[in-house]
Protein backbone atom coordinates (compact mmCIF):
# COMPACT_ATOMS: atom_id res chain seq x y z
CA MET A 1 0.02 0.12 -0.17
CA CYS A 2 1.07 3.55 -0.83
CA LEU A 3 0.61 6.78 1.07
CA ALA A 4 0.91 10.09 -0.39
CA ILE A 5 0.95 13.17 1.88
CA PRO A 6 -0.21 16.61 0.85
CA GLY A 7 2.09 19.46 1.00
CA LYS A 8 2.24 23.18 -0.12
CA ILE A 9 4.94 24.36 -2.22
CA VAL A 10 6.83 27.12 -0.90
CA SER A 11 9.60 27.45 -3.53
CA ILE A 12 10.40 25.93 -7.01
CA ASP A 13 14.02 25.55 -8.23
CA HIS A 14 14.54 24.99 -11.95
CA SER A 15 18.13 23.68 -12.59
CA ARG A 16 20.06 21.46 -14.89
CA GLU A 17 19.17 18.46 -12.81
CA GLY A 18 15.69 19.04 -13.05
CA VAL A 19 12.73 20.71 -11.31
CA THR A 20 12.51 20.55 -7.57
CA GLY A 21 10.67 22.23 -5.01
CA THR A 22 10.64 23.03 -1.41
CA VAL A 23 7.25 21.78 0.21
CA ASP A 24 5.84 22.33 3.35
CA PHE A 25 4.20 19.45 5.50
CA ALA A 26 2.35 20.99 8.39
CA GLY A 27 5.65 22.93 9.46
CA THR A 28 8.09 20.35 8.15
CA ARG A 29 9.90 21.50 4.95
CA LYS A 30 11.29 19.02 2.42
CA THR A 31 12.78 19.12 -1.03
CA VAL A 32 10.56 17.21 -3.61
CA ASN A 33 10.93 16.43 -7.00
CA LEU A 34 8.33 18.44 -9.23
CA GLU A 35 9.19 16.64 -12.75
CA TRP A 36 5.90 14.76 -12.84
CA VAL A 37 3.60 17.89 -12.13
CA PRO A 38 4.95 20.51 -14.53
CA GLU A 39 1.70 22.61 -13.94
CA ALA A 40 2.29 23.28 -10.32
CA ASN A 41 3.24 26.57 -8.86
CA VAL A 42 4.18 27.99 -5.67
CA GLY A 43 1.25 28.02 -3.44
CA ASP A 44 -0.23 24.99 -4.79
CA TYR A 45 -0.82 21.69 -2.71
CA VAL A 46 0.56 18.60 -4.11
CA MET A 47 0.26 15.07 -3.40
CA VAL A 48 3.81 13.45 -2.52
CA HIS A 49 5.01 9.85 -2.17
CA VAL A 50 8.64 9.05 -1.51
CA GLY A 51 10.01 12.56 -2.64
CA PHE A 52 8.05 12.91 -5.88
CA ALA A 53 4.97 15.10 -6.34
CA LEU A 54 2.36 12.94 -8.18
CA SER A 55 -0.58 15.39 -8.76
CA VAL A 56 -1.70 18.63 -7.62
CA VAL A 57 -4.67 18.89 -5.45
CA ASP A 58 -6.83 21.57 -4.19
CA GLU A 59 -6.57 23.31 -1.03
CA GLN A 60 -9.64 22.10 0.48
CA GLU A 61 -9.12 18.40 -0.49
CA ALA A 62 -5.38 18.96 1.05
CA LEU A 63 -6.59 20.37 4.27
CA GLU A 64 -9.30 17.77 4.69
CA THR A 65 -6.51 14.92 3.95
CA LEU A 66 -4.39 16.71 6.38
CA GLU A 67 -6.86 16.56 9.23
CA LEU A 68 -7.87 12.83 8.44
CA LEU A 69 -4.25 12.10 9.05
CA ARG A 70 -3.72 14.22 12.28
CA HIS A 71 -7.11 12.39 13.25
CA MET A 72 -5.55 8.73 12.66
CA GLU A 73 -2.34 9.96 14.44
CA SER A 74 -4.50 10.99 17.67
CA VAL A 75 -6.43 7.74 17.74
CA GLY A 76 -3.32 5.76 17.70
CA SER A 77 -1.76 7.58 20.48
CA GLU A 78 -4.40 7.01 22.86
CA PRO A 79 -3.62 5.73 26.42
CA GLY A 80 -4.15 2.19 26.65
CA ASP A 81 -2.93 1.44 23.25
CA PRO A 82 -0.91 -1.88 22.81
CA GLU A 83 2.12 0.28 21.86
CA ASP A 84 1.97 2.16 25.03
CA THR A 85 2.60 -0.83 27.26
CA PRO A 86 5.92 -1.96 28.22
């Protein structure tokens, strides 16, 4: 199973090596390959898997996905989870 995470493009770098961008994932910034989304611009949200932007998504969809991921994280960290027991 693959998981792509939405992030917001904060800068784009066109160099001889290809097109990359700095993408913000809820406060964490990473360099991402943007070759597969030539239509992407600064301010756009992209779905990223293993360092590659796979598609451009609208802001509402990206924010809803981020909220679902936050919810999944909070459910998984509730007291009494098997991971919390020694």
